[in-house]
């Protein structure tokens, strides 16, 4: 672990594991739709249709399973088996989203795991690499629009 690396403490991870999964999956799918889906090329959307992807934050004991259908990411029903699971610490996912860390570096240093359909994994990786604007910045902009609606004009 590097000095600036934050790992969610084990007791917090155990607490997160007790949370019901499905509401988190719906929120995660909604966030993906706000931040990522509008930047996906049509051929990628077609290739993702009906494919199940699980993202696991290992230190938080949280997993989110989604699939692309009906023009967006949708939460899968509890128990749905993913075709691809990508796992890392919450901090490493944040570093990836901010483009402060390279997925290949994390993968070869065993901080990023990928299990399942490797072709789907490469599609996801290459697609995210091709998005020009850092995902984290897009998320901050999207969240600002959402919360701005509730907070009134500033």
N, C-alpha and C. Protein backbone atom coordinates (compact mmCIF):
# COMPACT_ATOMS: atom_id res chain seq x y z
N UNK A 1 0.85 -1.17 0.00
CA UNK A 1 0.00 0.00 0.00
C UNK A 1 0.89 1.24 0.00
N UNK A 2 0.60 2.20 -0.88
CA UNK A 2 1.36 3.43 -0.94
C UNK A 2 0.89 4.36 0.17
N UNK A 3 1.70 5.38 0.54
CA UNK A 3 1.32 6.25 1.65
C UNK A 3 -0.02 6.96 1.42
N UNK A 4 -0.37 7.28 0.20
CA UNK A 4 -1.62 7.99 -0.07
C UNK A 4 -2.79 7.05 -0.34
N UNK A 5 -2.55 5.76 -0.26
CA UNK A 5 -3.60 4.78 -0.54
C UNK A 5 -4.50 4.63 0.67
N UNK A 6 -5.79 4.74 0.43
CA UNK A 6 -6.77 4.57 1.50
C UNK A 6 -7.47 3.24 1.30
N UNK A 7 -7.49 2.43 2.32
CA UNK A 7 -8.22 1.17 2.29
C UNK A 7 -9.34 1.28 3.32
N UNK A 8 -10.53 0.88 2.92
CA UNK A 8 -11.66 0.91 3.84
C UNK A 8 -11.37 -0.06 4.97
N UNK A 9 -11.48 0.39 6.22
CA UNK A 9 -11.19 -0.50 7.36
C UNK A 9 -12.08 -1.74 7.36
N UNK A 10 -11.53 -2.84 7.81
CA UNK A 10 -12.25 -4.12 7.82
C UNK A 10 -13.60 -4.04 8.52
N UNK A 11 -13.73 -3.37 9.68
CA UNK A 11 -15.06 -3.31 10.31
C UNK A 11 -16.10 -2.60 9.43
N UNK A 12 -15.67 -1.58 8.70
CA UNK A 12 -16.59 -0.88 7.79
C UNK A 12 -16.96 -1.81 6.64
N UNK A 13 -15.99 -2.54 6.12
CA UNK A 13 -16.27 -3.51 5.06
C UNK A 13 -17.26 -4.58 5.50
N UNK A 14 -17.10 -5.06 6.74
CA UNK A 14 -18.04 -6.06 7.25
C UNK A 14 -19.44 -5.47 7.39
N UNK A 15 -19.52 -4.22 7.80
CA UNK A 15 -20.81 -3.54 7.91
C UNK A 15 -21.45 -3.38 6.53
N UNK A 16 -20.66 -2.98 5.55
CA UNK A 16 -21.17 -2.82 4.17
C UNK A 16 -21.70 -4.15 3.62
N UNK A 17 -21.05 -5.25 4.00
CA UNK A 17 -21.48 -6.56 3.52
C UNK A 17 -22.87 -6.92 4.02
N UNK A 18 -23.31 -6.30 5.09
CA UNK A 18 -24.64 -6.59 5.65
C UNK A 18 -25.75 -5.80 4.96
N UNK A 19 -25.38 -4.80 4.17
CA UNK A 19 -26.39 -3.98 3.49
C UNK A 19 -27.09 -4.79 2.41
N UNK A 20 -28.38 -4.53 2.18
CA UNK A 20 -29.07 -5.22 1.08
C UNK A 20 -28.44 -4.82 -0.25
N UNK A 21 -28.27 -5.79 -1.13
CA UNK A 21 -27.53 -5.56 -2.37
C UNK A 21 -28.31 -4.77 -3.41
N UNK A 22 -29.56 -5.10 -3.60
CA UNK A 22 -30.29 -4.56 -4.75
C UNK A 22 -30.39 -3.04 -4.79
N UNK A 23 -30.68 -2.34 -3.68
CA UNK A 23 -30.73 -0.87 -3.79
C UNK A 23 -29.39 -0.28 -4.26
N UNK A 24 -28.30 -0.82 -3.78
CA UNK A 24 -26.98 -0.36 -4.21
C UNK A 24 -26.75 -0.60 -5.69
N UNK A 25 -27.23 -1.75 -6.18
CA UNK A 25 -27.07 -2.06 -7.61
C UNK A 25 -27.83 -1.05 -8.46
N UNK A 26 -29.03 -0.68 -8.03
CA UNK A 26 -29.83 0.30 -8.77
C UNK A 26 -29.13 1.65 -8.79
N UNK A 27 -28.59 2.07 -7.64
CA UNK A 27 -27.86 3.33 -7.58
C UNK A 27 -26.61 3.29 -8.46
N UNK A 28 -25.90 2.18 -8.43
CA UNK A 28 -24.70 2.04 -9.25
C UNK A 28 -25.04 2.10 -10.74
N UNK A 29 -26.09 1.41 -11.15
CA UNK A 29 -26.52 1.44 -12.56
C UNK A 29 -26.92 2.86 -12.96
N UNK A 30 -27.60 3.56 -12.08
CA UNK A 30 -28.00 4.94 -12.37
C UNK A 30 -26.77 5.84 -12.52
N UNK A 31 -25.78 5.65 -11.66
CA UNK A 31 -24.55 6.44 -11.77
C UNK A 31 -23.83 6.15 -13.08
N UNK A 32 -23.76 4.87 -13.47
CA UNK A 32 -23.14 4.54 -14.75
C UNK A 32 -23.86 5.21 -15.91
N UNK A 33 -25.18 5.24 -15.84
CA UNK A 33 -25.95 5.87 -16.90
C UNK A 33 -25.70 7.37 -16.96
N UNK A 34 -25.56 8.02 -15.80
CA UNK A 34 -25.28 9.44 -15.77
C UNK A 34 -23.89 9.77 -16.30
N UNK A 35 -22.93 8.93 -15.97
CA UNK A 35 -21.54 9.26 -16.22
C UNK A 35 -20.97 8.61 -17.49
N UNK A 36 -21.29 7.34 -17.73
CA UNK A 36 -20.60 6.59 -18.78
C UNK A 36 -21.44 6.37 -20.02
N UNK A 37 -22.71 6.05 -19.87
CA UNK A 37 -23.49 5.54 -21.02
C UNK A 37 -23.56 6.49 -22.19
N UNK A 38 -23.62 7.78 -21.94
CA UNK A 38 -23.73 8.73 -23.06
C UNK A 38 -22.44 8.82 -23.87
N UNK A 39 -21.35 8.31 -23.33
CA UNK A 39 -20.07 8.34 -24.02
C UNK A 39 -19.74 7.03 -24.73
N UNK A 40 -20.65 6.08 -24.70
CA UNK A 40 -20.39 4.78 -25.33
C UNK A 40 -20.77 4.83 -26.82
N UNK A 41 -19.87 4.40 -27.68
CA UNK A 41 -20.21 4.31 -29.10
C UNK A 41 -21.29 3.25 -29.33
N UNK A 42 -22.03 3.40 -30.41
CA UNK A 42 -23.14 2.48 -30.70
C UNK A 42 -22.68 1.03 -30.82
N UNK A 43 -21.50 0.79 -31.41
CA UNK A 43 -21.04 -0.59 -31.56
C UNK A 43 -20.73 -1.21 -30.20
N UNK A 44 -20.28 -0.42 -29.25
CA UNK A 44 -20.01 -0.92 -27.90
C UNK A 44 -21.34 -1.22 -27.20
N UNK A 45 -22.31 -0.34 -27.36
CA UNK A 45 -23.63 -0.58 -26.76
C UNK A 45 -24.21 -1.89 -27.28
N UNK A 46 -24.05 -2.12 -28.57
CA UNK A 46 -24.56 -3.36 -29.16
C UNK A 46 -23.81 -4.57 -28.59
N UNK A 47 -22.49 -4.45 -28.46
CA UNK A 47 -21.69 -5.57 -27.93
C UNK A 47 -22.00 -5.84 -26.46
N UNK A 48 -22.41 -4.81 -25.72
CA UNK A 48 -22.72 -4.97 -24.29
C UNK A 48 -24.13 -5.46 -24.03
N UNK A 49 -24.99 -5.40 -25.03
CA UNK A 49 -26.40 -5.75 -24.82
C UNK A 49 -26.56 -7.15 -24.23
N UNK A 50 -27.22 -7.18 -23.07
CA UNK A 50 -27.49 -8.45 -22.40
C UNK A 50 -26.31 -9.05 -21.65
N UNK A 51 -25.19 -8.34 -21.63
CA UNK A 51 -23.99 -8.87 -20.94
C UNK A 51 -23.98 -8.38 -19.50
N UNK A 52 -23.71 -9.29 -18.58
CA UNK A 52 -23.70 -8.97 -17.16
C UNK A 52 -22.28 -8.74 -16.67
N UNK A 53 -22.11 -7.63 -15.97
CA UNK A 53 -20.81 -7.21 -15.46
C UNK A 53 -20.94 -6.93 -13.98
N UNK A 54 -20.01 -7.47 -13.21
CA UNK A 54 -19.99 -7.22 -11.76
C UNK A 54 -18.73 -6.44 -11.41
N UNK A 55 -18.93 -5.37 -10.65
CA UNK A 55 -17.83 -4.58 -10.11
C UNK A 55 -17.80 -4.84 -8.62
N UNK A 56 -16.63 -5.24 -8.10
CA UNK A 56 -16.49 -5.56 -6.68
C UNK A 56 -15.41 -4.69 -6.06
N UNK A 57 -15.82 -3.90 -5.05
CA UNK A 57 -14.87 -3.15 -4.24
C UNK A 57 -14.49 -4.07 -3.09
N UNK A 58 -13.31 -4.66 -3.19
CA UNK A 58 -12.92 -5.73 -2.28
C UNK A 58 -12.84 -5.29 -0.83
N UNK A 59 -12.32 -4.10 -0.58
CA UNK A 59 -12.17 -3.65 0.80
C UNK A 59 -13.50 -3.25 1.42
N UNK A 60 -14.48 -2.89 0.60
CA UNK A 60 -15.79 -2.48 1.11
C UNK A 60 -16.78 -3.65 1.14
N UNK A 61 -16.37 -4.80 0.62
CA UNK A 61 -17.27 -5.96 0.53
C UNK A 61 -18.56 -5.60 -0.21
N UNK A 62 -18.43 -4.77 -1.25
CA UNK A 62 -19.58 -4.37 -2.06
C UNK A 62 -19.40 -4.85 -3.48
N UNK A 63 -20.46 -5.38 -4.04
CA UNK A 63 -20.46 -5.81 -5.44
C UNK A 63 -21.72 -5.27 -6.10
N UNK A 64 -21.56 -4.84 -7.33
CA UNK A 64 -22.68 -4.32 -8.11
C UNK A 64 -22.71 -5.07 -9.44
N UNK A 65 -23.86 -5.66 -9.75
CA UNK A 65 -24.01 -6.40 -11.00
C UNK A 65 -25.00 -5.66 -11.87
N UNK A 66 -24.56 -5.34 -13.09
CA UNK A 66 -25.39 -4.61 -14.04
C UNK A 66 -25.30 -5.27 -15.40
N UNK A 67 -26.26 -4.93 -16.25
CA UNK A 67 -26.17 -5.34 -17.65
C UNK A 67 -26.71 -4.21 -18.51
N UNK A 68 -26.29 -4.19 -19.77
CA UNK A 68 -26.75 -3.18 -20.71
C UNK A 68 -27.99 -3.72 -21.41
N UNK A 69 -29.11 -3.02 -21.26
CA UNK A 69 -30.33 -3.36 -21.99
C UNK A 69 -31.23 -2.15 -22.04
N UNK A 70 -32.05 -2.10 -23.07
CA UNK A 70 -33.00 -1.00 -23.26
C UNK A 70 -32.31 0.37 -23.22
N UNK A 71 -31.12 0.45 -23.81
CA UNK A 71 -30.44 1.73 -23.94
C UNK A 71 -29.74 2.24 -22.70
N UNK A 72 -29.51 1.39 -21.71
CA UNK A 72 -28.81 1.83 -20.52
C UNK A 72 -28.42 0.68 -19.64
N UNK A 73 -27.65 1.00 -18.61
CA UNK A 73 -27.27 -0.01 -17.63
C UNK A 73 -28.45 -0.24 -16.69
N UNK A 74 -28.71 -1.48 -16.39
CA UNK A 74 -29.80 -1.87 -15.49
C UNK A 74 -29.23 -2.80 -14.43
N UNK A 75 -29.72 -2.64 -13.21
CA UNK A 75 -29.32 -3.54 -12.14
C UNK A 75 -29.87 -4.93 -12.42
N UNK A 76 -29.07 -5.92 -12.17
CA UNK A 76 -29.52 -7.31 -12.34
C UNK A 76 -30.21 -7.77 -11.06
N UNK A 77 -31.06 -8.74 -11.22
CA UNK A 77 -31.75 -9.32 -10.07
C UNK A 77 -30.72 -9.98 -9.15
N UNK A 78 -30.98 -9.95 -7.85
CA UNK A 78 -30.06 -10.64 -6.93
C UNK A 78 -29.86 -12.09 -7.36
N UNK A 79 -28.64 -12.54 -7.28
CA UNK A 79 -28.32 -13.91 -7.67
C UNK A 79 -27.92 -14.07 -9.13
N UNK A 80 -28.05 -13.00 -9.93
CA UNK A 80 -27.65 -13.07 -11.34
C UNK A 80 -26.15 -13.32 -11.44
N UNK A 81 -25.78 -14.27 -12.26
CA UNK A 81 -24.36 -14.60 -12.43
C UNK A 81 -23.74 -13.68 -13.48
N UNK A 82 -22.63 -13.03 -13.12
CA UNK A 82 -21.97 -12.15 -14.08
C UNK A 82 -21.14 -12.93 -15.09
N UNK A 83 -20.96 -12.34 -16.25
CA UNK A 83 -20.05 -12.91 -17.24
C UNK A 83 -18.63 -12.44 -17.01
N UNK A 84 -18.52 -11.29 -16.34
CA UNK A 84 -17.21 -10.72 -16.03
C UNK A 84 -17.29 -10.05 -14.67
N UNK A 85 -16.28 -10.31 -13.84
CA UNK A 85 -16.16 -9.63 -12.55
C UNK A 85 -14.84 -8.88 -12.54
N UNK A 86 -14.93 -7.59 -12.24
CA UNK A 86 -13.75 -6.76 -12.10
C UNK A 86 -13.68 -6.35 -10.63
N UNK A 87 -12.54 -6.60 -10.00
CA UNK A 87 -12.42 -6.31 -8.57
C UNK A 87 -11.16 -5.52 -8.28
N UNK A 88 -11.30 -4.61 -7.31
CA UNK A 88 -10.18 -3.79 -6.83
C UNK A 88 -10.66 -3.14 -5.54
N UNK A 89 -9.75 -2.43 -4.88
CA UNK A 89 -10.17 -1.66 -3.70
C UNK A 89 -10.95 -0.45 -4.19
N UNK A 90 -11.73 0.13 -3.30
CA UNK A 90 -12.48 1.34 -3.65
C UNK A 90 -11.53 2.45 -4.08
N UNK A 91 -10.40 2.58 -3.41
CA UNK A 91 -9.41 3.60 -3.75
C UNK A 91 -8.86 3.38 -5.16
N UNK A 92 -8.56 2.13 -5.51
CA UNK A 92 -8.03 1.86 -6.85
C UNK A 92 -9.07 2.16 -7.93
N UNK A 93 -10.35 1.87 -7.66
CA UNK A 93 -11.38 2.24 -8.62
C UNK A 93 -11.44 3.76 -8.77
N UNK A 94 -11.30 4.48 -7.68
CA UNK A 94 -11.30 5.94 -7.74
C UNK A 94 -10.11 6.44 -8.55
N UNK A 95 -8.94 5.86 -8.33
CA UNK A 95 -7.76 6.24 -9.09
C UNK A 95 -7.95 5.97 -10.58
N UNK A 96 -8.58 4.85 -10.91
CA UNK A 96 -8.87 4.55 -12.31
C UNK A 96 -9.82 5.58 -12.90
N UNK A 97 -10.88 5.90 -12.17
CA UNK A 97 -11.87 6.85 -12.66
C UNK A 97 -11.26 8.23 -12.87
N UNK A 98 -10.34 8.61 -12.01
CA UNK A 98 -9.68 9.91 -12.13
C UNK A 98 -8.54 9.89 -13.15
N UNK A 99 -8.25 8.71 -13.66
CA UNK A 99 -7.14 8.50 -14.60
C UNK A 99 -5.79 8.81 -13.97
N UNK A 100 -5.70 8.54 -12.68
CA UNK A 100 -4.44 8.71 -11.97
C UNK A 100 -3.66 7.40 -11.90
N UNK A 101 -4.27 6.34 -12.37
CA UNK A 101 -3.62 5.03 -12.38
C UNK A 101 -4.04 4.31 -13.65
N UNK A 102 -3.14 3.53 -14.18
CA UNK A 102 -3.38 2.78 -15.40
C UNK A 102 -3.91 1.39 -15.05
N UNK A 103 -4.99 0.93 -15.75
CA UNK A 103 -5.52 -0.40 -15.42
C UNK A 103 -4.52 -1.53 -15.61
N UNK A 104 -3.66 -1.42 -16.62
CA UNK A 104 -2.65 -2.48 -16.83
C UNK A 104 -1.68 -2.55 -15.66
N UNK A 105 -1.27 -1.39 -15.16
CA UNK A 105 -0.36 -1.36 -14.00
C UNK A 105 -1.02 -2.01 -12.80
N UNK A 106 -2.29 -1.65 -12.54
CA UNK A 106 -3.00 -2.25 -11.41
C UNK A 106 -3.18 -3.75 -11.61
N UNK A 107 -3.48 -4.17 -12.83
CA UNK A 107 -3.69 -5.58 -13.11
C UNK A 107 -2.41 -6.38 -12.86
N UNK A 108 -1.29 -5.90 -13.41
CA UNK A 108 -0.05 -6.65 -13.29
C UNK A 108 0.56 -6.56 -11.88
N UNK A 109 0.12 -5.59 -11.09
CA UNK A 109 0.57 -5.54 -9.70
C UNK A 109 -0.44 -6.23 -8.78
N UNK A 110 -1.42 -6.91 -9.39
CA UNK A 110 -2.44 -7.69 -8.68
C UNK A 110 -3.34 -6.86 -7.78
N UNK A 111 -3.50 -5.59 -8.14
CA UNK A 111 -4.43 -4.72 -7.41
C UNK A 111 -5.78 -4.63 -8.12
N UNK A 112 -5.84 -5.09 -9.36
CA UNK A 112 -7.06 -5.12 -10.15
C UNK A 112 -7.23 -6.55 -10.66
N UNK A 113 -8.36 -7.15 -10.35
CA UNK A 113 -8.61 -8.51 -10.78
C UNK A 113 -9.71 -8.56 -11.84
N UNK A 114 -9.62 -9.55 -12.69
CA UNK A 114 -10.63 -9.75 -13.72
C UNK A 114 -10.86 -11.25 -13.84
N UNK A 115 -12.13 -11.67 -13.68
CA UNK A 115 -12.49 -13.07 -13.80
C UNK A 115 -13.66 -13.20 -14.76
N UNK A 116 -13.60 -14.21 -15.58
CA UNK A 116 -14.71 -14.48 -16.49
C UNK A 116 -14.31 -14.25 -17.94
N UNK A 117 -15.22 -13.68 -18.69
CA UNK A 117 -15.07 -13.47 -20.12
C UNK A 117 -14.01 -12.39 -20.40
N UNK A 118 -12.81 -12.82 -20.76
CA UNK A 118 -11.72 -11.86 -20.97
C UNK A 118 -11.97 -10.97 -22.19
N UNK A 119 -12.68 -11.47 -23.19
CA UNK A 119 -13.01 -10.64 -24.34
C UNK A 119 -13.90 -9.47 -23.92
N UNK A 120 -14.86 -9.74 -23.05
CA UNK A 120 -15.72 -8.68 -22.51
C UNK A 120 -14.88 -7.72 -21.66
N UNK A 121 -13.95 -8.26 -20.90
CA UNK A 121 -13.06 -7.42 -20.10
C UNK A 121 -12.24 -6.48 -20.95
N UNK A 122 -11.71 -6.97 -22.05
CA UNK A 122 -10.94 -6.11 -22.95
C UNK A 122 -11.83 -5.06 -23.60
N UNK A 123 -13.05 -5.43 -23.94
CA UNK A 123 -13.99 -4.46 -24.50
C UNK A 123 -14.24 -3.33 -23.51
N UNK A 124 -14.50 -3.67 -22.26
CA UNK A 124 -14.75 -2.67 -21.22
C UNK A 124 -13.52 -1.79 -21.03
N UNK A 125 -12.35 -2.40 -20.89
CA UNK A 125 -11.12 -1.65 -20.67
C UNK A 125 -10.83 -0.72 -21.83
N UNK A 126 -10.88 -1.23 -23.06
CA UNK A 126 -10.58 -0.40 -24.23
C UNK A 126 -11.59 0.72 -24.40
N UNK A 127 -12.85 0.45 -24.08
CA UNK A 127 -13.88 1.48 -24.18
C UNK A 127 -13.64 2.59 -23.18
N UNK A 128 -13.34 2.22 -21.94
CA UNK A 128 -13.09 3.24 -20.93
C UNK A 128 -11.82 4.03 -21.24
N UNK A 129 -10.81 3.35 -21.79
CA UNK A 129 -9.58 4.05 -22.19
C UNK A 129 -9.85 5.07 -23.30
N UNK A 130 -10.82 4.77 -24.16
CA UNK A 130 -11.11 5.63 -25.31
C UNK A 130 -11.95 6.86 -24.94
N UNK A 131 -12.60 6.83 -23.79
CA UNK A 131 -13.38 8.00 -23.37
C UNK A 131 -12.41 9.11 -23.02
N UNK A 132 -12.57 10.26 -23.69
CA UNK A 132 -11.61 11.35 -23.56
C UNK A 132 -11.65 12.05 -22.21
N UNK A 133 -12.84 12.31 -21.68
CA UNK A 133 -12.97 13.07 -20.44
C UNK A 133 -12.90 12.10 -19.27
N UNK A 134 -12.11 12.41 -18.24
CA UNK A 134 -12.05 11.52 -17.09
C UNK A 134 -13.44 11.28 -16.50
N UNK A 135 -13.75 10.04 -16.23
CA UNK A 135 -15.06 9.65 -15.73
C UNK A 135 -15.39 10.40 -14.44
N UNK A 136 -14.41 10.57 -13.58
CA UNK A 136 -14.67 11.24 -12.31
C UNK A 136 -15.15 12.67 -12.54
N UNK A 137 -14.55 13.37 -13.50
CA UNK A 137 -14.98 14.73 -13.81
C UNK A 137 -16.39 14.74 -14.36
N UNK A 138 -16.72 13.78 -15.22
CA UNK A 138 -18.08 13.67 -15.74
C UNK A 138 -19.05 13.45 -14.59
N UNK A 139 -18.67 12.60 -13.64
CA UNK A 139 -19.53 12.31 -12.50
C UNK A 139 -19.78 13.54 -11.65
N UNK A 140 -18.75 14.33 -11.44
CA UNK A 140 -18.92 15.54 -10.64
C UNK A 140 -19.86 16.50 -11.35
N UNK A 141 -19.74 16.64 -12.67
CA UNK A 141 -20.62 17.50 -13.44
C UNK A 141 -22.06 16.99 -13.38
N UNK A 142 -22.25 15.69 -13.57
CA UNK A 142 -23.60 15.11 -13.53
C UNK A 142 -24.21 15.25 -12.16
N UNK A 143 -23.44 14.98 -11.11
CA UNK A 143 -23.96 15.11 -9.75
C UNK A 143 -24.30 16.56 -9.44
N UNK A 144 -23.51 17.50 -9.96
CA UNK A 144 -23.82 18.91 -9.75
C UNK A 144 -25.15 19.28 -10.37
N UNK A 145 -25.44 18.72 -11.55
CA UNK A 145 -26.74 18.99 -12.19
C UNK A 145 -27.87 18.39 -11.37
N UNK A 146 -27.68 17.16 -10.90
CA UNK A 146 -28.74 16.50 -10.13
C UNK A 146 -29.00 17.25 -8.83
N UNK A 147 -27.93 17.53 -8.05
CA UNK A 147 -28.13 18.19 -6.76
C UNK A 147 -28.52 19.65 -6.93
N UNK A 148 -28.12 20.27 -8.03
CA UNK A 148 -28.52 21.65 -8.29
C UNK A 148 -30.02 21.78 -8.44
N UNK A 149 -30.68 20.75 -8.94
CA UNK A 149 -32.12 20.77 -9.08
C UNK A 149 -32.81 20.82 -7.72
N UNK A 150 -32.20 20.19 -6.73
CA UNK A 150 -32.82 20.15 -5.41
C UNK A 150 -32.42 21.35 -4.55
N UNK A 151 -31.26 21.91 -4.84
CA UNK A 151 -30.77 23.01 -4.00
C UNK A 151 -31.18 24.38 -4.47
N UNK A 152 -31.86 24.49 -5.60
CA UNK A 152 -32.26 25.79 -6.12
C UNK A 152 -31.11 26.47 -6.81
N UNK A 153 -31.32 27.71 -7.23
CA UNK A 153 -30.28 28.48 -7.95
C UNK A 153 -29.28 29.01 -6.96
N UNK A 154 -28.05 29.10 -7.42
CA UNK A 154 -26.99 29.63 -6.55
C UNK A 154 -26.46 30.90 -7.13
